[in-house]
N, C-alpha and C. Protein backbone atom coordinates (compact mmCIF):
# COMPACT_ATOMS: atom_id res chain seq x y z
N GLY A 1 -66.55 65.35 -80.73
CA GLY A 1 -65.78 64.31 -81.36
C GLY A 1 -65.78 63.05 -80.52
N HIS A 2 -65.26 62.01 -81.12
CA HIS A 2 -65.11 60.74 -80.42
C HIS A 2 -63.91 60.00 -80.98
N ILE A 3 -63.44 59.04 -80.22
CA ILE A 3 -62.31 58.21 -80.64
C ILE A 3 -62.84 57.15 -81.59
N ASP A 4 -62.20 57.02 -82.76
CA ASP A 4 -62.63 56.02 -83.73
C ASP A 4 -62.01 54.65 -83.45
N ILE A 5 -60.74 54.63 -83.12
CA ILE A 5 -60.06 53.37 -82.81
C ILE A 5 -59.17 53.58 -81.60
N LEU A 6 -59.24 52.64 -80.68
CA LEU A 6 -58.38 52.66 -79.49
C LEU A 6 -57.70 51.30 -79.43
N GLN A 7 -56.37 51.29 -79.45
CA GLN A 7 -55.62 50.05 -79.37
C GLN A 7 -54.70 50.08 -78.17
N VAL A 8 -54.56 48.94 -77.53
CA VAL A 8 -53.56 48.78 -76.47
C VAL A 8 -52.62 47.69 -76.95
N ARG A 9 -51.37 48.09 -77.19
CA ARG A 9 -50.35 47.15 -77.67
C ARG A 9 -49.05 47.41 -76.93
N LEU A 10 -48.43 46.36 -76.46
CA LEU A 10 -47.13 46.46 -75.81
C LEU A 10 -47.14 47.50 -74.70
N SER A 11 -48.21 47.50 -73.92
CA SER A 11 -48.37 48.42 -72.78
C SER A 11 -48.46 49.88 -73.19
N LYS A 12 -48.81 50.14 -74.44
CA LYS A 12 -48.99 51.51 -74.92
C LYS A 12 -50.40 51.65 -75.47
N ILE A 13 -50.95 52.85 -75.35
CA ILE A 13 -52.29 53.13 -75.86
C ILE A 13 -52.16 53.98 -77.12
N PHE A 14 -52.82 53.54 -78.18
CA PHE A 14 -52.82 54.26 -79.45
C PHE A 14 -54.24 54.75 -79.72
N ILE A 15 -54.37 56.04 -80.04
CA ILE A 15 -55.66 56.67 -80.29
C ILE A 15 -55.72 57.10 -81.75
N LEU A 16 -56.78 56.70 -82.45
CA LEU A 16 -57.01 57.15 -83.82
C LEU A 16 -58.33 57.89 -83.86
N ASP A 17 -58.27 59.12 -84.30
CA ASP A 17 -59.47 59.94 -84.46
C ASP A 17 -59.53 60.36 -85.92
N PHE A 18 -60.29 59.63 -86.72
CA PHE A 18 -60.40 59.94 -88.14
C PHE A 18 -61.22 61.20 -88.32
N ASN A 19 -60.64 62.17 -89.00
CA ASN A 19 -61.31 63.44 -89.23
C ASN A 19 -61.03 63.90 -90.66
N PRO A 20 -61.98 63.72 -91.58
CA PRO A 20 -61.74 64.10 -92.97
C PRO A 20 -61.51 65.60 -93.15
N GLU A 21 -61.89 66.41 -92.18
CA GLU A 21 -61.70 67.86 -92.28
C GLU A 21 -60.41 68.33 -91.62
N ALA A 22 -59.59 67.40 -91.14
CA ALA A 22 -58.40 67.76 -90.37
C ALA A 22 -57.44 68.65 -91.16
N SER A 23 -57.34 68.45 -92.47
CA SER A 23 -56.42 69.26 -93.26
C SER A 23 -56.85 70.73 -93.28
N LYS A 24 -58.11 70.99 -93.00
CA LYS A 24 -58.62 72.36 -92.98
C LYS A 24 -58.57 72.98 -91.59
N GLU A 25 -58.33 72.14 -90.58
CA GLU A 25 -58.33 72.62 -89.21
C GLU A 25 -56.93 73.04 -88.79
N ASN A 26 -56.89 73.87 -87.78
CA ASN A 26 -55.63 74.30 -87.19
C ASN A 26 -54.98 73.10 -86.51
N GLU A 27 -53.68 72.91 -86.75
CA GLU A 27 -52.96 71.78 -86.16
C GLU A 27 -53.05 71.78 -84.64
N ASN A 28 -53.06 72.96 -84.03
CA ASN A 28 -53.16 73.05 -82.58
C ASN A 28 -54.51 72.53 -82.08
N ASN A 29 -55.58 72.78 -82.83
CA ASN A 29 -56.90 72.28 -82.43
C ASN A 29 -56.95 70.75 -82.47
N VAL A 30 -56.36 70.18 -83.52
CA VAL A 30 -56.34 68.72 -83.65
C VAL A 30 -55.50 68.11 -82.53
N SER A 31 -54.33 68.69 -82.27
CA SER A 31 -53.46 68.19 -81.20
C SER A 31 -54.13 68.33 -79.85
N SER A 32 -54.83 69.43 -79.65
CA SER A 32 -55.53 69.65 -78.38
C SER A 32 -56.60 68.60 -78.15
N GLN A 33 -57.34 68.25 -79.19
CA GLN A 33 -58.39 67.24 -79.05
C GLN A 33 -57.78 65.89 -78.67
N LEU A 34 -56.68 65.51 -79.31
CA LEU A 34 -56.02 64.25 -78.97
C LEU A 34 -55.49 64.27 -77.55
N TYR A 35 -55.00 65.43 -77.12
CA TYR A 35 -54.52 65.58 -75.74
C TYR A 35 -55.65 65.29 -74.75
N TRP A 36 -56.83 65.86 -74.99
CA TRP A 36 -57.95 65.67 -74.07
C TRP A 36 -58.42 64.22 -74.06
N TYR A 37 -58.37 63.56 -75.22
CA TYR A 37 -58.70 62.13 -75.25
C TYR A 37 -57.72 61.36 -74.37
N ALA A 38 -56.43 61.64 -74.54
CA ALA A 38 -55.40 60.94 -73.77
C ALA A 38 -55.55 61.22 -72.28
N LEU A 39 -55.83 62.46 -71.94
CA LEU A 39 -56.00 62.81 -70.53
C LEU A 39 -57.19 62.05 -69.93
N GLY A 40 -58.29 62.01 -70.64
CA GLY A 40 -59.45 61.29 -70.15
C GLY A 40 -59.18 59.81 -69.98
N LEU A 41 -58.44 59.22 -70.91
CA LEU A 41 -58.12 57.80 -70.81
C LEU A 41 -57.13 57.53 -69.69
N SER A 42 -56.30 58.50 -69.34
CA SER A 42 -55.30 58.28 -68.30
C SER A 42 -55.95 58.00 -66.95
N PHE A 43 -57.16 58.47 -66.76
CA PHE A 43 -57.87 58.21 -65.52
C PHE A 43 -58.47 56.80 -65.49
N ARG A 44 -58.55 56.17 -66.65
CA ARG A 44 -59.14 54.83 -66.76
C ARG A 44 -58.09 53.72 -66.71
N THR A 45 -56.81 54.09 -66.75
CA THR A 45 -55.77 53.06 -66.80
C THR A 45 -55.02 52.97 -65.50
């Protein structure tokens, strides 16, 4: 996967990962993927 949109607003980082299959995926898998994106970005800020 990859991040589709990354915004920095008001000193906060917003991550959007568009996934048309998300409704079929386990919520924990989707949350886990966003967690790893956030963790990776935390090293860049």
